[in-house]
Amino acid sequence: MILIDANLSHRLRVALRDQFPGTVHVSDVQLSKADDDDIWHYARQHALHILTKDGDFENLLRQHGPPPKVIRIKIGNASTKTIGQVLTEKRATIAAFLNDPQHSLLYITR
């Protein structure tokens, strides 16, 4: 369901696992060292949506269009624990976004 980008910790799977089964980190699918284009195409081929802090995925979204959808975390420098807490607090917003066919980019802020 969600593919966590390399710029975020693999430990975020724990925060997302219950609400979003099938969530994987790029390291789980041998994409830790892949470029953004490869990650984008993998997500598209496997019906995953990208969770990232990286603005480059917004550019790929504009260039290629969805899928995948992009969930961009914009909370500055924060610990993995803090990011996990924010994602847990925003899980209903994330779920609604993933089910909304009209939107393809979601910003997560505090």
PDB file of N, CA and C in Angstrom:
ATOM      1  N   MET A   1       0.817  -1.195   0.000  1.00  0.00           N
ATOM      2  CA  MET A   1       0.000   0.000   0.000  1.00  0.00           C
ATOM      3  C   MET A   1       0.860   1.257   0.000  1.00  0.00           C
ATOM      4  N   ILE A   2       1.846   1.340   0.934  1.00  0.00           N
ATOM      5  CA  ILE A   2       2.722   2.507   0.999  1.00  0.00           C
ATOM      6  C   ILE A   2       4.168   2.047   0.881  1.00  0.00           C
ATOM      7  N   LEU A   3       4.931   2.772   0.085  1.00  0.00           N
ATOM      8  CA  LEU A   3       6.366   2.541  -0.064  1.00  0.00           C
ATOM      9  C   LEU A   3       7.086   3.705   0.608  1.00  0.00           C
ATOM     10  N   ILE A   4       7.840   3.405   1.658  1.00  0.00           N
ATOM     11  CA  ILE A   4       8.558   4.427   2.413  1.00  0.00           C
ATOM     12  C   ILE A   4       9.902   4.679   1.741  1.00  0.00           C
ATOM     13  N   ASP A   5      10.169   5.926   1.422  1.00  0.00           N
ATOM     14  CA  ASP A   5      11.391   6.319   0.725  1.00  0.00           C
ATOM     15  C   ASP A   5      12.614   6.171   1.632  1.00  0.00           C
ATOM     16  N   ALA A   6      13.787   6.131   1.002  1.00  0.00           N
ATOM     17  CA  ALA A   6      15.051   5.930   1.714  1.00  0.00           C
ATOM     18  C   ALA A   6      15.385   7.071   2.668  1.00  0.00           C
ATOM     19  N   ASN A   7      14.823   8.260   2.452  1.00  0.00           N
ATOM     20  CA  ASN A   7      15.132   9.372   3.341  1.00  0.00           C
ATOM     21  C   ASN A   7      14.361   9.306   4.656  1.00  0.00           C
ATOM     22  N   LEU A   8      13.574   8.261   4.828  1.00  0.00           N
ATOM     23  CA  LEU A   8      12.846   8.005   6.070  1.00  0.00           C
ATOM     24  C   LEU A   8      13.253   6.636   6.607  1.00  0.00           C
ATOM     25  N   SER A   9      13.193   6.488   7.907  1.00  0.00           N
ATOM     26  CA  SER A   9      13.627   5.250   8.540  1.00  0.00           C
ATOM     27  C   SER A   9      12.693   4.080   8.238  1.00  0.00           C
ATOM     28  N   HIS A  10      13.300   2.917   8.097  1.00  0.00           N
ATOM     29  CA  HIS A  10      12.520   1.685   7.920  1.00  0.00           C
ATOM     30  C   HIS A  10      11.649   1.408   9.140  1.00  0.00           C
ATOM     31  N   ARG A  11      11.987   1.995  10.280  1.00  0.00           N
ATOM     32  CA  ARG A  11      11.200   1.771  11.502  1.00  0.00           C
ATOM     33  C   ARG A  11       9.813   2.400  11.430  1.00  0.00           C
ATOM     34  N   LEU A  12       9.567   3.258  10.456  1.00  0.00           N
ATOM     35  CA  LEU A  12       8.235   3.848  10.311  1.00  0.00           C
ATOM     36  C   LEU A  12       7.189   2.817   9.904  1.00  0.00           C
ATOM     37  N   ARG A  13       7.644   1.673   9.397  1.00  0.00           N
ATOM     38  CA  ARG A  13       6.687   0.595   9.076  1.00  0.00           C
ATOM     39  C   ARG A  13       5.821   0.272  10.276  1.00  0.00           C
ATOM     40  N   VAL A  14       6.426   0.295  11.466  1.00  0.00           N
ATOM     41  CA  VAL A  14       5.696  -0.039  12.688  1.00  0.00           C
ATOM     42  C   VAL A  14       4.536   0.927  12.897  1.00  0.00           C
ATOM     43  N   ALA A  15       4.768   2.215  12.669  1.00  0.00           N
ATOM     44  CA  ALA A  15       3.715   3.215  12.853  1.00  0.00           C
ATOM     45  C   ALA A  15       2.592   3.052  11.838  1.00  0.00           C
ATOM     46  N   LEU A  16       2.901   2.464  10.687  1.00  0.00           N
ATOM     47  CA  LEU A  16       1.924   2.370   9.598  1.00  0.00           C
ATOM     48  C   LEU A  16       1.334   0.978   9.405  1.00  0.00           C
ATOM     49  N   ARG A  17       1.953  -0.020   9.984  1.00  0.00           N
ATOM     50  CA  ARG A  17       1.608  -1.417   9.708  1.00  0.00           C
ATOM     51  C   ARG A  17       0.140  -1.751   9.966  1.00  0.00           C
ATOM     52  N   ASP A  18      -0.391  -1.335  11.118  1.00  0.00           N
ATOM     53  CA  ASP A  18      -1.769  -1.702  11.459  1.00  0.00           C
ATOM     54  C   ASP A  18      -2.790  -1.022  10.551  1.00  0.00           C
ATOM     55  N   GLN A  19      -2.602   0.252  10.308  1.00  0.00           N
ATOM     56  CA  GLN A  19      -3.560   1.006   9.502  1.00  0.00           C
ATOM     57  C   GLN A  19      -3.402   0.748   8.006  1.00  0.00           C
ATOM     58  N   PHE A  20      -2.155   0.507   7.580  1.00  0.00           N
ATOM     59  CA  PHE A  20      -1.877   0.352   6.156  1.00  0.00           C
ATOM     60  C   PHE A  20      -1.084  -0.931   5.912  1.00  0.00           C
ATOM     61  N   PRO A  21      -1.760  -2.077   5.980  1.00  0.00           N
ATOM     62  CA  PRO A  21      -1.066  -3.354   5.751  1.00  0.00           C
ATOM     63  C   PRO A  21      -0.394  -3.362   4.379  1.00  0.00           C
ATOM     64  N   GLY A  22       0.742  -4.016   4.316  1.00  0.00           N
ATOM     65  CA  GLY A  22       1.465  -4.083   3.058  1.00  0.00           C
ATOM     66  C   GLY A  22       2.459  -2.955   2.877  1.00  0.00           C
ATOM     67  N   THR A  23       2.581  -2.083   3.876  1.00  0.00           N
ATOM     68  CA  THR A  23       3.555  -1.000   3.811  1.00  0.00           C
ATOM     69  C   THR A  23       4.958  -1.581   3.830  1.00  0.00           C
ATOM     70  N   VAL A  24       5.805  -1.085   2.941  1.00  0.00           N
ATOM     71  CA  VAL A  24       7.191  -1.550   2.859  1.00  0.00           C
ATOM     72  C   VAL A  24       8.123  -0.349   2.775  1.00  0.00           C
ATOM     73  N   HIS A  25       9.357  -0.589   3.153  1.00  0.00           N
ATOM     74  CA  HIS A  25      10.417   0.405   3.017  1.00  0.00           C
ATOM     75  C   HIS A  25      11.215   0.044   1.772  1.00  0.00           C
ATOM     76  N   VAL A  26      11.847   1.021   1.144  1.00  0.00           N
ATOM     77  CA  VAL A  26      12.630   0.722  -0.057  1.00  0.00           C
ATOM     78  C   VAL A  26      13.680  -0.357   0.203  1.00  0.00           C
ATOM     79  N   SER A  27      14.178  -0.446   1.424  1.00  0.00           N
ATOM     80  CA  SER A  27      15.173  -1.479   1.746  1.00  0.00           C
ATOM     81  C   SER A  27      14.572  -2.882   1.701  1.00  0.00           C
ATOM     82  N   ASP A  28      13.270  -2.999   1.902  1.00  0.00           N
ATOM     83  CA  ASP A  28      12.599  -4.306   1.849  1.00  0.00           C
ATOM     84  C   ASP A  28      12.524  -4.848   0.429  1.00  0.00           C
ATOM     85  N   VAL A  29      12.603  -3.958  -0.538  1.00  0.00           N
ATOM     86  CA  VAL A  29      12.446  -4.352  -1.944  1.00  0.00           C
ATOM     87  C   VAL A  29      13.700  -4.029  -2.761  1.00  0.00           C
ATOM     88  N   GLN A  30      14.826  -4.006  -2.078  1.00  0.00           N
ATOM     89  CA  GLN A  30      16.141  -3.808  -2.701  1.00  0.00           C
ATOM     90  C   GLN A  30      16.230  -2.525  -3.531  1.00  0.00           C
ATOM     91  N   LEU A  31      15.633  -1.452  -3.025  1.00  0.00           N
ATOM     92  CA  LEU A  31      15.695  -0.167  -3.716  1.00  0.00           C
ATOM     93  C   LEU A  31      16.386   0.915  -2.884  1.00  0.00           C
ATOM     94  N   SER A  32      17.127   0.519  -1.861  1.00  0.00           N
ATOM     95  CA  SER A  32      17.777   1.502  -0.982  1.00  0.00           C
ATOM     96  C   SER A  32      18.670   2.467  -1.739  1.00  0.00           C
ATOM     97  N   LYS A  33      19.340   1.978  -2.755  1.00  0.00           N
ATOM     98  CA  LYS A  33      20.276   2.819  -3.503  1.00  0.00           C
ATOM     99  C   LYS A  33      19.730   3.225  -4.871  1.00  0.00           C
ATOM    100  N   ALA A  34      18.459   2.957  -5.096  1.00  0.00           N
ATOM    101  CA  ALA A  34      17.842   3.284  -6.387  1.00  0.00           C
ATOM    102  C   ALA A  34      17.599   4.786  -6.499  1.00  0.00           C
ATOM    103  N   ASP A  35      17.551   5.271  -7.727  1.00  0.00           N
ATOM    104  CA  ASP A  35      17.215   6.680  -7.905  1.00  0.00           C
ATOM    105  C   ASP A  35      15.695   6.854  -7.842  1.00  0.00           C
ATOM    106  N   ASP A  36      15.280   8.111  -7.749  1.00  0.00           N
ATOM    107  CA  ASP A  36      13.854   8.403  -7.578  1.00  0.00           C
ATOM    108  C   ASP A  36      13.005   7.847  -8.714  1.00  0.00           C
ATOM    109  N   ASP A  37      13.515   7.890  -9.934  1.00  0.00           N
ATOM    110  CA  ASP A  37      12.778   7.355 -11.083  1.00  0.00           C
ATOM    111  C   ASP A  37      12.490   5.866 -10.917  1.00  0.00           C
ATOM    112  N   ASP A  38      13.493   5.110 -10.482  1.00  0.00           N
ATOM    113  CA  ASP A  38      13.303   3.669 -10.281  1.00  0.00           C
ATOM    114  C   ASP A  38      12.293   3.398  -9.173  1.00  0.00           C
ATOM    115  N   ILE A  39      12.365   4.179  -8.104  1.00  0.00           N
ATOM    116  CA  ILE A  39      11.409   4.025  -7.003  1.00  0.00           C
ATOM    117  C   ILE A  39      10.003   4.351  -7.500  1.00  0.00           C
ATOM    118  N   TRP A  40       9.879   5.418  -8.276  1.00  0.00           N
ATOM    119  CA  TRP A  40       8.585   5.820  -8.834  1.00  0.00           C
ATOM    120  C   TRP A  40       7.976   4.683  -9.664  1.00  0.00           C
ATOM    121  N   HIS A  41       8.764   4.138 -10.561  1.00  0.00           N
ATOM    122  CA  HIS A  41       8.252   3.088 -11.447  1.00  0.00           C
ATOM    123  C   HIS A  41       7.942   1.803 -10.679  1.00  0.00           C
ATOM    124  N   TYR A  42       8.735   1.491  -9.676  1.00  0.00           N
ATOM    125  CA  TYR A  42       8.439   0.322  -8.844  1.00  0.00           C
ATOM    126  C   TYR A  42       7.095   0.519  -8.137  1.00  0.00           C
ATOM    127  N   ALA A  43       6.904   1.696  -7.557  1.00  0.00           N
ATOM    128  CA  ALA A  43       5.641   1.976  -6.867  1.00  0.00           C
ATOM    129  C   ALA A  43       4.464   1.862  -7.827  1.00  0.00           C
ATOM    130  N   ARG A  44       4.613   2.395  -9.010  1.00  0.00           N
ATOM    131  CA  ARG A  44       3.540   2.331 -10.008  1.00  0.00           C
ATOM    132  C   ARG A  44       3.227   0.880 -10.379  1.00  0.00           C
ATOM    133  N   GLN A  45       4.247   0.083 -10.616  1.00  0.00           N
ATOM    134  CA  GLN A  45       4.059  -1.311 -11.029  1.00  0.00           C
ATOM    135  C   GLN A  45       3.456  -2.176  -9.931  1.00  0.00           C
ATOM    136  N   HIS A  46       3.666  -1.786  -8.671  1.00  0.00           N
ATOM    137  CA  HIS A  46       3.224  -2.619  -7.557  1.00  0.00           C
ATOM    138  C   HIS A  46       2.079  -1.994  -6.757  1.00  0.00           C
ATOM    139  N   ALA A  47       1.419  -1.002  -7.328  1.00  0.00           N
ATOM    140  CA  ALA A  47       0.257  -0.355  -6.711  1.00  0.00           C
ATOM    141  C   ALA A  47       0.568   0.155  -5.304  1.00  0.00           C
ATOM    142  N   LEU A  48       1.733   0.791  -5.170  1.00  0.00           N
ATOM    143  CA  LEU A  48       2.143   1.390  -3.906  1.00  0.00           C
ATOM    144  C   LEU A  48       2.124   2.910  -4.048  1.00  0.00           C
ATOM    145  N   HIS A  49       1.960   3.593  -2.927  1.00  0.00           N
ATOM    146  CA  HIS A  49       2.011   5.048  -2.895  1.00  0.00           C
ATOM    147  C   HIS A  49       3.250   5.443  -2.103  1.00  0.00           C
ATOM    148  N   ILE A  50       3.870   6.542  -2.455  1.00  0.00           N
ATOM    149  CA  ILE A  50       5.179   6.903  -1.916  1.00  0.00           C
ATOM    150  C   ILE A  50       5.047   7.862  -0.736  1.00  0.00           C
ATOM    151  N   LEU A  51       5.698   7.484   0.369  1.00  0.00           N
ATOM    152  CA  LEU A  51       5.825   8.336   1.551  1.00  0.00           C
ATOM    153  C   LEU A  51       7.254   8.852   1.573  1.00  0.00           C
ATOM    154  N   THR A  52       7.428  10.171   1.598  1.00  0.00           N
ATOM    155  CA  THR A  52       8.762  10.744   1.427  1.00  0.00           C
ATOM    156  C   THR A  52       8.880  12.109   2.088  1.00  0.00           C
ATOM    157  N   LYS A  53      10.118  12.546   2.258  1.00  0.00           N
ATOM    158  CA  LYS A  53      10.412  13.937   2.610  1.00  0.00           C
ATOM    159  C   LYS A  53      10.973  14.667   1.388  1.00  0.00           C
ATOM    160  N   ASP A  54      11.125  13.960   0.307  1.00  0.00           N
ATOM    161  CA  ASP A  54      11.831  14.406  -0.897  1.00  0.00           C
ATOM    162  C   ASP A  54      10.892  15.124  -1.869  1.00  0.00           C
ATOM    163  N   GLY A  55      11.195  16.377  -2.165  1.00  0.00           N
ATOM    164  CA  GLY A  55      10.389  17.143  -3.110  1.00  0.00           C
ATOM    165  C   GLY A  55      10.491  16.662  -4.544  1.00  0.00           C
ATOM    166  N   ASP A  56      11.507  15.852  -4.849  1.00  0.00           N
ATOM    167  CA  ASP A  56      11.657  15.363  -6.221  1.00  0.00           C
ATOM    168  C   ASP A  56      10.469  14.516  -6.663  1.00  0.00           C
ATOM    169  N   PHE A  57       9.804  13.861  -5.723  1.00  0.00           N
ATOM    170  CA  PHE A  57       8.652  13.042  -6.099  1.00  0.00           C
ATOM    171  C   PHE A  57       7.468  13.904  -6.534  1.00  0.00           C
ATOM    172  N   GLU A  58       7.399  15.136  -6.053  1.00  0.00           N
ATOM    173  CA  GLU A  58       6.378  16.056  -6.561  1.00  0.00           C
ATOM    174  C   GLU A  58       6.620  16.337  -8.041  1.00  0.00           C
ATOM    175  N   ASN A  59       7.885  16.521  -8.397  1.00  0.00           N
ATOM    176  CA  ASN A  59       8.224  16.756  -9.804  1.00  0.00           C
ATOM    177  C   ASN A  59       7.868  15.549 -10.663  1.00  0.00           C
ATOM    178  N   LEU A  60       8.146  14.357 -10.162  1.00  0.00           N
ATOM    179  CA  LEU A  60       7.790  13.147 -10.911  1.00  0.00           C
ATOM    180  C   LEU A  60       6.278  13.016 -11.050  1.00  0.00           C
ATOM    181  N   LEU A  61       5.555  13.409 -10.019  1.00  0.00           N
ATOM    182  CA  LEU A  61       4.095  13.380 -10.079  1.00  0.00           C
ATOM    183  C   LEU A  61       3.592  14.337 -11.155  1.00  0.00           C
ATOM    184  N   ARG A  62       4.170  15.519 -11.220  1.00  0.00           N
ATOM    185  CA  ARG A  62       3.776  16.484 -12.262  1.00  0.00           C
ATOM    186  C   ARG A  62       4.147  15.977 -13.656  1.00  0.00           C
ATOM    187  N   GLN A  63       5.294  15.331 -13.741  1.00  0.00           N
ATOM    188  CA  GLN A  63       5.784  14.847 -15.035  1.00  0.00           C
ATOM    189  C   GLN A  63       4.990  13.650 -15.546  1.00  0.00           C
ATOM    190  N   HIS A  64       4.746  12.677 -14.678  1.00  0.00           N
ATOM    191  CA  HIS A  64       4.129  11.415 -15.101  1.00  0.00           C
ATOM    192  C   HIS A  64       2.651  11.300 -14.746  1.00  0.00           C
ATOM    193  N   GLY A  65       2.202  12.063 -13.761  1.00  0.00           N
ATOM    194  CA  GLY A  65       0.844  11.904 -13.258  1.00  0.00           C
ATOM    195  C   GLY A  65       0.740  10.656 -12.396  1.00  0.00           C
ATOM    196  N   PRO A  66      -0.356  10.553 -11.651  1.00  0.00           N
ATOM    197  CA  PRO A  66      -0.528   9.367 -10.811  1.00  0.00           C
ATOM    198  C   PRO A  66      -1.001   8.186 -11.645  1.00  0.00           C
ATOM    199  N   PRO A  67      -0.940   6.973 -11.138  1.00  0.00           N
ATOM    200  CA  PRO A  67      -0.299   6.620  -9.870  1.00  0.00           C
ATOM    201  C   PRO A  67       1.206   6.599 -10.008  1.00  0.00           C
ATOM    202  N   PRO A  68       1.918   6.572  -8.914  1.00  0.00           N
ATOM    203  CA  PRO A  68       1.456   6.519  -7.525  1.00  0.00           C
ATOM    204  C   PRO A  68       1.097   7.903  -6.990  1.00  0.00           C
ATOM    205  N   LYS A  69       0.402   7.890  -5.884  1.00  0.00           N
ATOM    206  CA  LYS A  69       0.175   9.117  -5.139  1.00  0.00           C
ATOM    207  C   LYS A  69       1.413   9.373  -4.284  1.00  0.00           C
ATOM    208  N   VAL A  70       1.574  10.620  -3.863  1.00  0.00           N
ATOM    209  CA  VAL A  70       2.725  10.997  -3.046  1.00  0.00           C
ATOM    210  C   VAL A  70       2.234  11.608  -1.737  1.00  0.00           C
ATOM    211  N   ILE A  71       2.762  11.078  -0.641  1.00  0.00           N
ATOM    212  CA  ILE A  71       2.523  11.632   0.689  1.00  0.00           C
ATOM    213  C   ILE A  71       3.848  12.256   1.115  1.00  0.00           C
ATOM    214  N   ARG A  72       3.875  13.576   1.201  1.00  0.00           N
ATOM    215  CA  ARG A  72       5.131  14.267   1.509  1.00  0.00           C
ATOM    216  C   ARG A  72       5.101  14.815   2.926  1.00  0.00           C
ATOM    217  N   ILE A  73       6.061  14.386   3.708  1.00  0.00           N
ATOM    218  CA  ILE A  73       6.192  14.844   5.086  1.00  0.00           C
ATOM    219  C   ILE A  73       6.945  16.167   5.083  1.00  0.00           C
ATOM    220  N   LYS A  74       6.324  17.176   5.660  1.00  0.00           N
ATOM    221  CA  LYS A  74       6.933  18.508   5.726  1.00  0.00           C
ATOM    222  C   LYS A  74       6.901  18.993   7.174  1.00  0.00           C
ATOM    223  N   ILE A  75       7.704  18.343   8.007  1.00  0.00           N
ATOM    224  CA  ILE A  75       7.743  18.747   9.412  1.00  0.00           C
ATOM    225  C   ILE A  75       9.161  19.096   9.859  1.00  0.00           C
ATOM    226  N   GLY A  76      10.038  19.359   8.913  1.00  0.00           N
ATOM    227  CA  GLY A  76      11.397  19.749   9.265  1.00  0.00           C
ATOM    228  C   GLY A  76      12.188  18.588   9.837  1.00  0.00           C
ATOM    229  N   ASN A  77      13.264  18.920  10.507  1.00  0.00           N
ATOM    230  CA  ASN A  77      14.081  17.878  11.122  1.00  0.00           C
ATOM    231  C   ASN A  77      13.362  17.351  12.348  1.00  0.00           C
ATOM    232  N   ALA A  78      13.015  16.099  12.302  1.00  0.00           N
ATOM    233  CA  ALA A  78      12.295  15.470  13.408  1.00  0.00           C
ATOM    234  C   ALA A  78      12.787  14.038  13.543  1.00  0.00           C
ATOM    235  N   SER A  79      12.697  13.523  14.736  1.00  0.00           N
ATOM    236  CA  SER A  79      13.113  12.141  14.977  1.00  0.00           C
ATOM    237  C   SER A  79      12.131  11.183  14.315  1.00  0.00           C
ATOM    238  N   THR A  80      12.589   9.964  14.134  1.00  0.00           N
ATOM    239  CA  THR A  80      11.708   8.923  13.592  1.00  0.00           C
ATOM    240  C   THR A  80      10.500   8.740  14.498  1.00  0.00           C
ATOM    241  N   LYS A  81      10.721   8.809  15.797  1.00  0.00           N
ATOM    242  CA  LYS A  81       9.613   8.669  16.751  1.00  0.00           C
ATOM    243  C   LYS A  81       8.572   9.768  16.532  1.00  0.00           C
ATOM    244  N   THR A  82       9.027  11.001  16.376  1.00  0.00           N
ATOM    245  CA  THR A  82       8.105  12.118  16.156  1.00  0.00           C
ATOM    246  C   THR A  82       7.359  11.961  14.837  1.00  0.00           C
ATOM    247  N   ILE A  83       8.070  11.598  13.785  1.00  0.00           N
ATOM    248  CA  ILE A  83       7.418  11.387  12.487  1.00  0.00           C
ATOM    249  C   ILE A  83       6.377  10.278  12.600  1.00  0.00           C
ATOM    250  N   GLY A  84       6.716   9.200  13.286  1.00  0.00           N
ATOM    251  CA  GLY A  84       5.767   8.106  13.492  1.00  0.00           C
ATOM    252  C   GLY A  84       4.526   8.560  14.240  1.00  0.00           C
ATOM    253  N   GLN A  85       4.715   9.399  15.252  1.00  0.00           N
ATOM    254  CA  GLN A  85       3.573   9.915  16.012  1.00  0.00           C
ATOM    255  C   GLN A  85       2.683  10.789  15.137  1.00  0.00           C
ATOM    256  N   VAL A  86       3.297  11.636  14.331  1.00  0.00           N
ATOM    257  CA  VAL A  86       2.521  12.498  13.433  1.00  0.00           C
ATOM    258  C   VAL A  86       1.745  11.650  12.427  1.00  0.00           C
ATOM    259  N   LEU A  87       2.392  10.640  11.862  1.00  0.00           N
ATOM    260  CA  LEU A  87       1.705   9.766  10.905  1.00  0.00           C
ATOM    261  C   LEU A  87       0.551   9.023  11.563  1.00  0.00           C
ATOM    262  N   THR A  88       0.750   8.593  12.800  1.00  0.00           N
ATOM    263  CA  THR A  88      -0.324   7.913  13.530  1.00  0.00           C
ATOM    264  C   THR A  88      -1.491   8.873  13.760  1.00  0.00           C
ATOM    265  N   GLU A  89      -1.182  10.103  14.154  1.00  0.00           N
ATOM    266  CA  GLU A  89      -2.232  11.105  14.367  1.00  0.00           C
ATOM    267  C   GLU A  89      -2.979  11.429  13.075  1.00  0.00           C
ATOM    268  N   LYS A  90      -2.296  11.359  11.948  1.00  0.00           N
ATOM    269  CA  LYS A  90      -2.877  11.726  10.649  1.00  0.00           C
ATOM    270  C   LYS A  90      -3.382  10.517   9.858  1.00  0.00           C
ATOM    271  N   ARG A  91      -3.471   9.364  10.489  1.00  0.00           N
ATOM    272  CA  ARG A  91      -3.817   8.144   9.740  1.00  0.00           C
ATOM    273  C   ARG A  91      -5.170   8.239   9.044  1.00  0.00           C
ATOM    274  N   ALA A  92      -6.151   8.881   9.663  1.00  0.00           N
ATOM    275  CA  ALA A  92      -7.464   9.015   9.012  1.00  0.00           C
ATOM    276  C   ALA A  92      -7.360   9.912   7.774  1.00  0.00           C
ATOM    277  N   THR A  93      -6.574  10.965   7.872  1.00  0.00           N
ATOM    278  CA  THR A  93      -6.354  11.859   6.729  1.00  0.00           C
ATOM    279  C   THR A  93      -5.651  11.116   5.601  1.00  0.00           C
ATOM    280  N   ILE A  94      -4.649  10.320   5.955  1.00  0.00           N
ATOM    281  CA  ILE A  94      -3.908   9.547   4.951  1.00  0.00           C
ATOM    282  C   ILE A  94      -4.829   8.534   4.282  1.00  0.00           C
ATOM    283  N   ALA A  95      -5.624   7.830   5.081  1.00  0.00           N
ATOM    284  CA  ALA A  95      -6.543   6.826   4.524  1.00  0.00           C
ATOM    285  C   ALA A  95      -7.545   7.477   3.573  1.00  0.00           C
ATOM    286  N   ALA A  96      -8.095   8.618   3.963  1.00  0.00           N
ATOM    287  CA  ALA A  96      -9.054   9.316   3.098  1.00  0.00           C
ATOM    288  C   ALA A  96      -8.378   9.750   1.794  1.00  0.00           C
ATOM    289  N   PHE A  97      -7.154  10.248   1.891  1.00  0.00           N
ATOM    290  CA  PHE A  97      -6.397  10.659   0.706  1.00  0.00           C
ATOM    291  C   PHE A  97      -6.167   9.485  -0.236  1.00  0.00           C
ATOM    292  N   LEU A  98      -5.757   8.358   0.307  1.00  0.00           N
ATOM    293  CA  LEU A  98      -5.471   7.197  -0.540  1.00  0.00           C
ATOM    294  C   LEU A  98      -6.719   6.689  -1.257  1.00  0.00           C
ATOM    295  N   ASN A  99      -7.879   6.921  -0.670  1.00  0.00           N
ATOM    296  CA  ASN A  99      -9.136   6.477  -1.277  1.00  0.00           C
ATOM    297  C   ASN A  99      -9.798   7.544  -2.146  1.00  0.00           C
ATOM    298  N   ASP A 100      -9.209   8.718  -2.214  1.00  0.00           N
ATOM    299  CA  ASP A 100      -9.779   9.831  -2.971  1.00  0.00           C
ATOM    300  C   ASP A 100      -9.189   9.853  -4.385  1.00  0.00           C
ATOM    301  N   PRO A 101      -9.989   9.571  -5.409  1.00  0.00           N
ATOM    302  CA  PRO A 101      -9.457   9.517  -6.771  1.00  0.00           C
ATOM    303  C   PRO A 101      -9.087  10.886  -7.353  1.00  0.00           C
ATOM    304  N   GLN A 102      -9.490  11.969  -6.705  1.00  0.00           N
ATOM    305  CA  GLN A 102      -9.257  13.300  -7.262  1.00  0.00           C
ATOM    306  C   GLN A 102      -7.947  13.943  -6.818  1.00  0.00           C
ATOM    307  N   HIS A 103      -7.299  13.403  -5.793  1.00  0.00           N
ATOM    308  CA  HIS A 103      -6.083  14.023  -5.277  1.00  0.00           C
ATOM    309  C   HIS A 103      -4.913  13.053  -5.349  1.00  0.00           C
ATOM    310  N   SER A 104      -3.745  13.595  -5.659  1.00  0.00           N
ATOM    311  CA  SER A 104      -2.569  12.735  -5.804  1.00  0.00           C
ATOM    312  C   SER A 104      -1.378  13.187  -4.962  1.00  0.00           C
ATOM    313  N   LEU A 105      -1.505  14.307  -4.251  1.00  0.00           N
ATOM    314  CA  LEU A 105      -0.418  14.805  -3.410  1.00  0.00           C
ATOM    315  C   LEU A 105      -0.984  15.243  -2.070  1.00  0.00           C
ATOM    316  N   LEU A 106      -0.385  14.733  -1.005  1.00  0.00           N
ATOM    317  CA  LEU A 106      -0.798  15.088   0.354  1.00  0.00           C
ATOM    318  C   LEU A 106       0.425  15.556   1.119  1.00  0.00           C
ATOM    319  N   TYR A 107       0.311  16.728   1.735  1.00  0.00           N
ATOM    320  CA  TYR A 107       1.364  17.217   2.623  1.00  0.00           C
ATOM    321  C   TYR A 107       0.994  16.865   4.057  1.00  0.00           C
ATOM    322  N   ILE A 108       1.946  16.300   4.770  1.00  0.00           N
ATOM    323  CA  ILE A 108       1.759  16.000   6.186  1.00  0.00           C
ATOM    324  C   ILE A 108       2.564  17.024   6.976  1.00  0.00           C
ATOM    325  N   THR A 109       1.875  17.791   7.793  1.00  0.00           N
ATOM    326  CA  THR A 109       2.506  18.768   8.671  1.00  0.00           C
ATOM    327  C   THR A 109       2.058  18.474  10.097  1.00  0.00           C
ATOM    328  N   ARG A 110       2.651  19.171  11.030  1.00  0.00           N
ATOM    329  CA  ARG A 110       2.271  18.929  12.436  1.00  0.00           C
ATOM    330  C   ARG A 110       0.917  19.432  12.703  1.00  0.00           C
TER     331      ARG A 110
END
